[in-house]
Amino acid sequence: MVFYFGVLGLYIIFGIIINFSFENKAARLFQSLSMIVILGGLSAARAVSVGTDTQLYNNLYSWDFEAGNWQNILSSKYPLYSLYTYCLHFISSNPQIIIVMNSLIIVTSVAITIYSYSENVFLSNILYVTLYFFFNSMNISRQFLAIGILLVATVCLNKNKIWLFWILYIGACLVHSTALVGIVFFVIHVIHWNKTRFILLSGALGIVLLTFYKRILNLFIVLFPAYSMYSIGTSDTNVETLSSQSNGGTLLVTIFYLLFICIATLCKVRFQDENREKRFAFLTVVMIIAVVFGIVFYKNILMTRVISYLSIFSIVYISEVIDLFILNIDTTSVNRGYTRFLVVCGVIAITCAPLYVQLNKNLSDVIPYASFVAR
C-alpha cells in the first residue's frame, strides 16, 4: 500500500509542476502523456500476481492461440478479444504482452476521454486512481478494455461522429457482452436536456427501478448469464457482494457522486463554450443514471460491474462540477484560483480515504505490487 501512495504522491507533485510550468493547453497535454507513461507503465510492468484475474488472462492468451482458427474465434463469447489476442502472438508468444497491451490501451483510452471532457486533467487523472478504477482495471482487464472503447465512443458521439460511435460500440460489445449497456449513451445524446428533465429522469428512474427491481435484475441475468453468479453473494458461489467486501463503501461513494449532482443542479451553467455545456449535460445524465442504479443495486456485484460503464465518468464529472461551482462564486479571478486549489485539494484528500480502505482490504488483489522484471 505504501508503494501505491508513494507513486500517487510523486505523481501529484509532478502534476503540480506541469501545471505551473506550462500554459493550460500544453499542461493538459503533458498531464495526459504523464498519465499514460506512469499509470500505463505501472500496470503494464506488473507481474501475474498483481490482479485477481491476471493469471487467468495469461492462460487464456496461450489458449486462444493454440485453439486459434476462424471457427473458434467467431464462435467465441468475445470474438474481437479472441482475434486480438490471437494476432498478438505474431508479435510475441510471451503472455506478458497481453498485460502490457491491455494496460496501455485501457490507460490511453481513459486519458483521451479525460482530455476531451475535463478542463482539469490533473484532478481527473488522480480521481482515476483514488476512486479505484485504475486498480480494478488490473483485475477485470477485458471489461475495462470494453469500457475504454466505449469511453472513446462517447467522445466521438459528442463530436457528432455517429458512425464512429456505432463502430466502437459494436467493437466494445464484441470484447465484453456487458458493453451492451452503452446504448444508453446514444439515447442520452439525442435528447435535449435541461434541469427539469434532469429531475424528472431521477424521479422516474428511481420509481421504475424500485417497482420492477426483481424483473430488472432477472433481465440483466438473462442478458449476461455468464455473470449470474455475481447476482447474489452466497456460500455456494463463494462470491461476496460489494457491500460485504467494503462494508457499504460502495453506497457511500455513490452518495459522494450524488453530492456533486446536487451541486451542479443548484449552480447556473456559465461555461462560455456551448459544446462544453452540451458535454456537461451529457455527463450529468450519465451520472444521474449511475447514481440511481448505484443506490438501488448497491448490494449486487453484477449490477455494480455493469454500472461501472457509467460511474467511471465521475472522474471527469467531478472536475467539471468543481469548475462550474467556482464560476458561480462572485469573486475575483485570483480568489477563484485560490478557492479552486483548496477545493481540489479537499476532494483529493476525501477520495484518498476510500482508496486507503479498499487497498487495505486488497480488493482486486493488487497488493503487494510486483514487477515481471523482478521475477
Protein backbone atom coordinates (compact mmCIF):
# COMPACT_ATOMS: atom_id res chain seq x y z
CA MET A 1 0.00 0.00 0.00
CA VAL A 2 2.85 2.37 0.85
CA PHE A 3 4.22 1.83 -2.65
CA TYR A 4 0.98 2.96 -4.34
CA PHE A 5 0.56 6.01 -2.11
CA GLY A 6 4.21 6.87 -2.73
CA VAL A 7 3.69 6.73 -6.50
CA LEU A 8 0.48 8.77 -6.16
CA GLY A 9 2.30 11.38 -4.08
CA LEU A 10 5.10 11.69 -6.62
CA TYR A 11 2.53 11.86 -9.44
CA ILE A 12 0.72 14.73 -7.66
CA ILE A 13 3.99 16.65 -7.21
CA PHE A 14 4.89 16.05 -10.86
CA GLY A 15 1.41 17.17 -11.95
CA ILE A 16 1.63 20.39 -9.94
CA ILE A 17 5.00 21.17 -11.53
CA ILE A 18 3.49 20.65 -15.00
CA ASN A 19 0.54 22.94 -14.22
CA PHE A 20 2.83 25.75 -13.07
CA SER A 21 5.35 25.28 -15.89
CA PHE A 22 3.08 25.36 -18.97
CA GLU A 23 0.09 27.16 -20.41
CA ASN A 24 -3.28 25.46 -19.94
CA LYS A 25 -3.46 23.62 -23.29
CA ALA A 26 0.14 22.37 -23.13
CA ALA A 27 -0.24 21.46 -19.46
CA ARG A 28 -3.35 19.37 -20.19
CA LEU A 29 -1.49 17.53 -22.95
CA PHE A 30 1.55 16.82 -20.75
CA GLN A 31 -0.74 15.69 -17.92
CA SER A 32 -2.36 13.18 -20.29
CA LEU A 33 1.00 11.92 -21.55
CA SER A 34 2.32 11.56 -17.99
CA MET A 35 -0.74 9.51 -17.08
CA ILE A 36 -0.14 7.12 -19.98
CA VAL A 37 3.56 6.76 -19.15
CA ILE A 38 3.29 6.46 -15.36
CA LEU A 39 -0.02 4.63 -14.80
CA GLY A 40 0.20 2.70 -18.07
CA GLY A 41 3.78 1.70 -17.30
CA LEU A 42 2.91 0.71 -13.73
CA SER A 43 0.07 -1.54 -14.89
CA ALA A 44 1.99 -2.93 -17.88
CA ALA A 45 5.03 -3.91 -15.82
CA ARG A 46 3.06 -5.79 -13.17
CA ALA A 47 3.60 -9.50 -12.58
CA VAL A 48 0.80 -12.06 -12.90
CA SER A 49 0.38 -11.98 -9.11
CA VAL A 50 -0.98 -8.42 -9.28
CA GLY A 51 -4.69 -8.52 -10.06
CA THR A 52 -7.13 -11.32 -9.26
CA ASP A 53 -7.69 -12.40 -12.86
CA THR A 54 -4.27 -11.56 -14.33
CA GLN A 55 -3.08 -15.16 -14.31
CA LEU A 56 -6.35 -16.22 -15.99
CA TYR A 57 -5.82 -13.71 -18.81
CA ASN A 58 -2.31 -15.05 -19.31
CA ASN A 59 -3.63 -18.61 -19.53
CA LEU A 60 -6.34 -17.57 -21.99
CA TYR A 61 -3.72 -15.82 -24.09
CA SER A 62 -1.94 -19.11 -24.69
CA TRP A 63 -5.19 -20.99 -25.20
CA ASP A 64 -6.54 -18.54 -27.78
CA PHE A 65 -3.53 -19.14 -29.99
CA GLU A 66 -3.49 -22.92 -29.58
CA ALA A 67 -7.19 -23.15 -30.41
CA GLY A 68 -6.94 -20.33 -32.93
CA ASN A 69 -8.95 -20.78 -36.11
CA TRP A 70 -11.70 -18.69 -37.63
CA GLN A 71 -14.45 -21.02 -36.47
CA ASN A 72 -13.33 -20.90 -32.84
CA ILE A 73 -12.77 -17.16 -32.95
CA LEU A 74 -16.19 -16.41 -34.46
CA SER A 75 -17.95 -18.75 -32.03
CA SER A 76 -16.19 -17.23 -29.03
CA LYS A 77 -18.21 -15.33 -26.41
CA TYR A 78 -15.84 -12.40 -27.05
CA PRO A 79 -14.76 -12.77 -30.72
CA LEU A 80 -12.96 -9.44 -31.09
CA TYR A 81 -10.92 -10.05 -27.94
CA SER A 82 -10.08 -13.57 -29.13
CA LEU A 83 -8.97 -12.22 -32.50
CA TYR A 84 -6.95 -9.50 -30.79
CA THR A 85 -5.11 -11.98 -28.54
CA TYR A 86 -4.56 -14.35 -31.45
CA CYS A 87 -2.96 -11.59 -33.53
CA LEU A 88 -0.72 -10.54 -30.63
CA HIS A 89 1.01 -13.92 -30.86
CA PHE A 90 2.55 -12.84 -34.14
CA ILE A 91 4.34 -10.12 -32.14
CA SER A 92 5.27 -12.25 -29.13
CA SER A 93 4.30 -15.59 -27.60
CA ASN A 94 5.24 -14.31 -24.14
CA PRO A 95 1.94 -13.87 -22.23
CA GLN A 96 3.31 -10.71 -20.59
CA ILE A 97 2.44 -8.93 -23.82
CA ILE A 98 -1.29 -9.24 -23.11
CA ILE A 99 -0.75 -7.48 -19.77
CA VAL A 100 1.31 -4.76 -21.44
CA MET A 101 -1.08 -4.16 -24.34
CA ASN A 102 -4.26 -4.29 -22.24
CA SER A 103 -2.77 -1.83 -19.75
CA LEU A 104 -1.63 0.67 -22.38
CA ILE A 105 -4.90 0.51 -24.33
CA ILE A 106 -7.00 0.98 -21.19
CA VAL A 107 -4.98 3.89 -19.77
CA THR A 108 -4.65 5.58 -23.17
CA SER A 109 -8.40 5.39 -23.83
CA VAL A 110 -9.10 6.86 -20.37
CA ALA A 111 -6.50 9.60 -20.96
CA ILE A 112 -8.11 10.51 -24.31
CA THR A 113 -11.53 10.71 -22.63
CA ILE A 114 -10.28 12.85 -19.77
CA TYR A 115 -8.53 15.21 -22.19
CA SER A 116 -11.74 15.52 -24.24
CA TYR A 117 -14.13 16.10 -21.31
CA SER A 118 -12.21 17.65 -18.45
CA GLU A 119 -10.58 21.05 -18.22
CA ASN A 120 -8.75 19.93 -15.08
CA VAL A 121 -6.92 16.89 -16.48
CA PHE A 122 -4.68 16.78 -13.40
CA LEU A 123 -7.58 16.22 -10.99
CA SER A 124 -9.37 13.73 -13.26
CA ASN A 125 -6.18 11.66 -13.61
CA ILE A 126 -5.85 11.50 -9.83
CA LEU A 127 -9.53 10.57 -9.39
CA TYR A 128 -9.00 7.66 -11.78
CA VAL A 129 -6.63 6.29 -9.13
CA THR A 130 -8.29 7.39 -5.88
CA LEU A 131 -11.76 6.20 -6.94
CA TYR A 132 -10.16 2.78 -7.56
CA PHE A 133 -10.89 2.49 -11.28
CA PHE A 134 -7.18 2.10 -12.03
CA PHE A 135 -6.82 -0.81 -9.61
CA ASN A 136 -9.99 -2.52 -10.87
CA SER A 137 -8.57 -2.30 -14.39
CA MET A 138 -5.69 -4.52 -13.25
CA ASN A 139 -8.25 -7.18 -12.37
CA ILE A 140 -11.16 -7.19 -14.84
CA SER A 141 -9.00 -6.10 -17.77
CA ARG A 142 -11.24 -7.38 -20.56
CA GLN A 143 -14.21 -5.44 -19.25
CA PHE A 144 -12.05 -2.35 -18.87
CA LEU A 145 -10.96 -2.71 -22.48
CA ALA A 146 -14.65 -2.54 -23.40
CA ILE A 147 -15.14 0.40 -21.02
CA GLY A 148 -12.20 2.20 -22.62
CA ILE A 149 -13.57 1.65 -26.12
CA LEU A 150 -16.99 2.97 -25.06
CA LEU A 151 -15.41 5.99 -23.39
CA VAL A 152 -13.74 6.94 -26.67
CA ALA A 153 -17.03 6.16 -28.46
CA THR A 154 -18.82 8.80 -26.37
CA VAL A 155 -16.12 11.32 -27.27
CA CYS A 156 -16.96 10.64 -30.93
CA LEU A 157 -20.66 10.84 -30.14
CA ASN A 158 -20.31 14.27 -28.57
CA LYS A 159 -18.43 15.39 -31.68
CA ASN A 160 -21.41 14.14 -33.74
CA LYS A 161 -19.34 11.37 -35.33
CA ILE A 162 -22.28 8.99 -35.04
CA TRP A 163 -20.97 6.36 -37.44
CA LEU A 164 -17.71 6.10 -35.50
CA PHE A 165 -19.65 5.74 -32.25
CA TRP A 166 -21.55 2.74 -33.63
CA ILE A 167 -18.37 1.08 -34.90
CA LEU A 168 -16.72 1.46 -31.50
CA TYR A 169 -19.90 0.41 -29.70
CA ILE A 170 -20.12 -2.83 -31.68
CA GLY A 171 -16.40 -3.39 -31.11
CA ALA A 172 -16.84 -2.97 -27.34
CA CYS A 173 -19.73 -5.48 -27.33
CA LEU A 174 -17.52 -7.99 -29.15
CA VAL A 175 -14.90 -7.57 -26.43
CA HIS A 176 -17.28 -7.85 -23.45
CA SER A 177 -21.01 -8.55 -23.55
CA THR A 178 -21.82 -6.11 -20.74
CA ALA A 179 -20.90 -3.26 -23.11
CA LEU A 180 -24.44 -3.63 -24.49
CA VAL A 181 -25.50 -1.08 -21.86
CA GLY A 182 -23.56 1.52 -23.87
CA ILE A 183 -26.69 2.00 -25.99
CA VAL A 184 -27.84 4.35 -23.23
CA PHE A 185 -25.17 6.84 -24.35
CA PHE A 186 -26.80 7.24 -27.75
CA VAL A 187 -30.25 7.69 -26.17
CA ILE A 188 -28.87 10.40 -23.87
CA HIS A 189 -27.18 12.13 -26.80
CA VAL A 190 -30.32 12.52 -28.92
CA ILE A 191 -32.36 14.18 -26.12
CA HIS A 192 -32.09 17.88 -25.33
CA TRP A 193 -31.58 18.09 -21.57
CA ASN A 194 -32.42 20.79 -19.03
CA LYS A 195 -32.79 20.89 -15.24
CA THR A 196 -36.48 19.96 -15.36
CA ARG A 197 -35.71 16.85 -17.37
CA PHE A 198 -32.83 16.01 -15.03
CA ILE A 199 -35.25 15.98 -12.09
CA LEU A 200 -37.94 14.06 -13.97
CA LEU A 201 -35.38 11.46 -15.07
CA SER A 202 -34.14 10.97 -11.49
CA GLY A 203 -37.64 10.52 -10.08
CA ALA A 204 -38.95 8.31 -12.88
CA LEU A 205 -35.87 6.12 -12.92
CA GLY A 206 -35.98 5.64 -9.15
CA ILE A 207 -39.67 4.68 -9.19
CA VAL A 208 -39.24 2.24 -12.08
CA LEU A 209 -36.21 0.53 -10.53
CA LEU A 210 -37.83 0.13 -7.13
CA THR A 211 -41.11 -1.07 -8.63
CA PHE A 212 -39.58 -3.59 -11.01
CA TYR A 213 -36.44 -4.41 -9.01
CA LYS A 214 -36.55 -8.20 -9.42
CA ARG A 215 -37.67 -8.08 -13.06
CA ILE A 216 -34.84 -5.73 -14.00
CA LEU A 217 -32.33 -7.88 -12.13
CA ASN A 218 -33.62 -11.00 -13.88
CA LEU A 219 -33.38 -9.21 -17.23
CA PHE A 220 -29.71 -8.45 -16.66
CA ILE A 221 -29.08 -12.06 -15.64
CA VAL A 222 -30.74 -13.19 -18.89
CA LEU A 223 -28.66 -10.73 -20.91
CA PHE A 224 -25.43 -11.69 -19.14
CA PRO A 225 -25.88 -15.30 -17.96
CA ALA A 226 -22.14 -15.87 -17.58
CA TYR A 227 -22.19 -13.37 -14.69
CA SER A 228 -25.29 -14.71 -12.91
CA MET A 229 -23.13 -15.99 -10.03
CA TYR A 230 -22.43 -12.35 -9.16
CA SER A 231 -26.11 -11.52 -8.72
CA ILE A 232 -26.23 -12.65 -5.10
CA GLY A 233 -23.31 -13.47 -2.83
CA THR A 234 -23.80 -16.87 -1.22
CA SER A 235 -21.70 -19.56 0.36
CA ASP A 236 -22.45 -21.75 -2.66
CA THR A 237 -20.79 -19.42 -5.12
CA ASN A 238 -18.17 -18.22 -2.63
CA VAL A 239 -18.71 -14.71 -4.06
CA GLU A 240 -19.23 -11.73 -1.81
CA THR A 241 -21.38 -8.77 -2.65
CA LEU A 242 -19.60 -5.43 -2.89
CA SER A 243 -21.40 -4.26 0.22
CA SER A 244 -19.91 -7.10 2.26
CA GLN A 245 -16.48 -6.52 0.72
CA SER A 246 -16.36 -2.85 1.67
CA ASN A 247 -18.95 -2.63 4.46
CA GLY A 248 -21.25 -0.40 2.47
CA GLY A 249 -18.42 1.65 0.99
CA THR A 250 -19.94 1.34 -2.47
CA LEU A 251 -23.08 3.11 -1.29
CA LEU A 252 -21.02 5.86 0.37
CA VAL A 253 -19.10 6.50 -2.84
CA THR A 254 -22.40 6.65 -4.75
CA ILE A 255 -23.71 9.23 -2.28
CA PHE A 256 -20.47 11.15 -2.82
CA TYR A 257 -21.31 11.26 -6.54
CA LEU A 258 -24.85 12.37 -5.68
CA LEU A 259 -23.44 15.35 -3.78
CA PHE A 260 -21.82 16.66 -6.97
CA ILE A 261 -25.02 16.16 -8.96
CA CYS A 262 -26.85 18.28 -6.35
CA ILE A 263 -24.17 20.99 -6.56
CA ALA A 264 -24.45 21.02 -10.36
CA THR A 265 -28.24 21.28 -10.18
CA LEU A 266 -28.05 24.27 -7.83
CA CYS A 267 -25.47 26.10 -9.94
CA LYS A 268 -26.14 28.15 -13.03
CA VAL A 269 -24.30 26.76 -16.04
CA ARG A 270 -21.85 29.50 -17.01
CA PHE A 271 -19.48 27.76 -19.37
CA GLN A 272 -18.52 30.06 -22.23
CA ASP A 273 -18.21 27.15 -24.67
CA GLU A 274 -21.57 25.85 -25.95
CA ASN A 275 -20.05 22.45 -26.74
CA ARG A 276 -18.76 22.22 -23.19
CA GLU A 277 -22.28 22.91 -21.91
CA LYS A 278 -23.64 20.06 -24.04
CA ARG A 279 -20.91 17.73 -22.82
CA PHE A 280 -21.69 18.71 -19.25
CA ALA A 281 -25.41 17.97 -19.72
CA PHE A 282 -24.44 14.59 -21.16
CA LEU A 283 -22.18 13.86 -18.18
CA THR A 284 -24.88 14.92 -15.73
CA VAL A 285 -27.44 12.50 -17.17
CA VAL A 286 -24.88 9.66 -17.23
CA MET A 287 -24.07 10.28 -13.56
CA ILE A 288 -27.76 10.53 -12.59
CA ILE A 289 -28.37 7.08 -14.07
CA ALA A 290 -25.22 5.71 -12.42
CA VAL A 291 -26.21 7.11 -9.02
CA VAL A 292 -29.82 5.90 -9.11
CA PHE A 293 -28.74 2.42 -10.19
CA GLY A 294 -25.89 2.52 -7.67
CA ILE A 295 -28.24 3.31 -4.78
CA VAL A 296 -30.89 0.74 -5.74
CA PHE A 297 -28.49 -2.09 -6.63
CA TYR A 298 -25.53 -1.31 -4.36
CA LYS A 299 -25.54 -4.86 -2.93
CA ASN A 300 -25.31 -6.57 -6.29
CA ILE A 301 -21.93 -7.19 -7.94
CA LEU A 302 -23.38 -7.88 -11.40
CA MET A 303 -25.20 -4.55 -11.49
CA THR A 304 -22.23 -2.72 -9.98
CA ARG A 305 -19.96 -4.10 -12.71
CA VAL A 306 -22.45 -3.08 -15.40
CA ILE A 307 -22.88 0.40 -13.93
CA SER A 308 -19.10 0.88 -13.97
CA TYR A 309 -19.55 1.82 -17.66
CA LEU A 310 -21.38 4.89 -16.33
CA SER A 311 -19.80 5.56 -12.94
CA ILE A 312 -16.32 5.88 -14.45
CA PHE A 313 -17.47 9.21 -15.89
CA SER A 314 -17.27 10.52 -12.32
CA ILE A 315 -13.56 11.16 -12.86
CA VAL A 316 -14.40 13.91 -15.36
CA TYR A 317 -17.77 14.95 -13.97
CA ILE A 318 -16.43 15.85 -10.52
CA SER A 319 -13.74 18.00 -12.12
CA GLU A 320 -16.29 19.83 -14.29
CA VAL A 321 -18.69 20.40 -11.36
CA ILE A 322 -15.87 21.99 -9.37
CA ASP A 323 -15.17 24.36 -12.28
CA LEU A 324 -18.88 25.18 -12.52
CA PHE A 325 -19.06 25.82 -8.78
CA ILE A 326 -16.06 28.18 -8.93
CA LEU A 327 -17.61 30.07 -11.85
CA ASN A 328 -20.73 30.68 -9.74
CA ILE A 329 -18.71 32.33 -6.97
CA ASP A 330 -18.90 36.11 -7.22
CA THR A 331 -15.26 36.95 -6.58
CA THR A 332 -12.06 37.96 -8.33
CA SER A 333 -10.12 35.64 -10.63
CA VAL A 334 -7.30 35.47 -8.05
CA ASN A 335 -9.66 34.35 -5.28
CA ARG A 336 -11.32 31.91 -7.67
CA GLY A 337 -7.96 30.31 -8.38
CA TYR A 338 -7.22 30.07 -4.65
CA THR A 339 -10.67 28.62 -3.95
CA ARG A 340 -10.30 26.10 -6.78
CA PHE A 341 -6.95 24.99 -5.36
CA LEU A 342 -8.47 24.42 -1.90
CA VAL A 343 -11.50 22.57 -3.26
CA VAL A 344 -9.33 20.32 -5.45
CA CYS A 345 -7.05 19.53 -2.51
CA GLY A 346 -10.11 18.76 -0.38
CA VAL A 347 -11.57 16.39 -2.98
CA ILE A 348 -8.25 14.56 -3.38
CA ALA A 349 -7.95 14.20 0.40
CA ILE A 350 -11.53 12.91 0.73
CA THR A 351 -11.16 10.34 -2.05
CA CYS A 352 -7.89 9.09 -0.57
CA ALA A 353 -9.89 7.80 2.42
CA PRO A 354 -11.88 5.14 0.49
CA LEU A 355 -8.72 4.41 -1.52
CA TYR A 356 -6.93 3.54 1.72
CA VAL A 357 -9.83 1.35 2.87
CA GLN A 358 -10.02 -0.56 -0.41
CA LEU A 359 -6.26 -1.04 -0.65
CA ASN A 360 -6.20 -2.16 2.97
CA LYS A 361 -8.80 -4.81 2.08
CA ASN A 362 -6.70 -5.61 -1.01
CA LEU A 363 -9.69 -5.52 -3.32
CA SER A 364 -8.68 -6.83 -6.76
CA ASP A 365 -5.55 -8.38 -5.20
CA VAL A 366 -3.21 -5.57 -6.21
CA ILE A 367 -1.03 -5.82 -3.08
CA PRO A 368 1.85 -6.44 -2.94
CA TYR A 369 2.92 -4.85 -6.19
CA ALA A 370 5.49 -6.88 -8.10
CA SER A 371 7.08 -6.31 -11.50
CA PHE A 372 7.53 -9.07 -14.05
CA VAL A 373 11.13 -7.84 -14.42
CA ALA A 374 11.89 -8.89 -10.84
CA ARG A 375 10.63 -12.45 -11.33
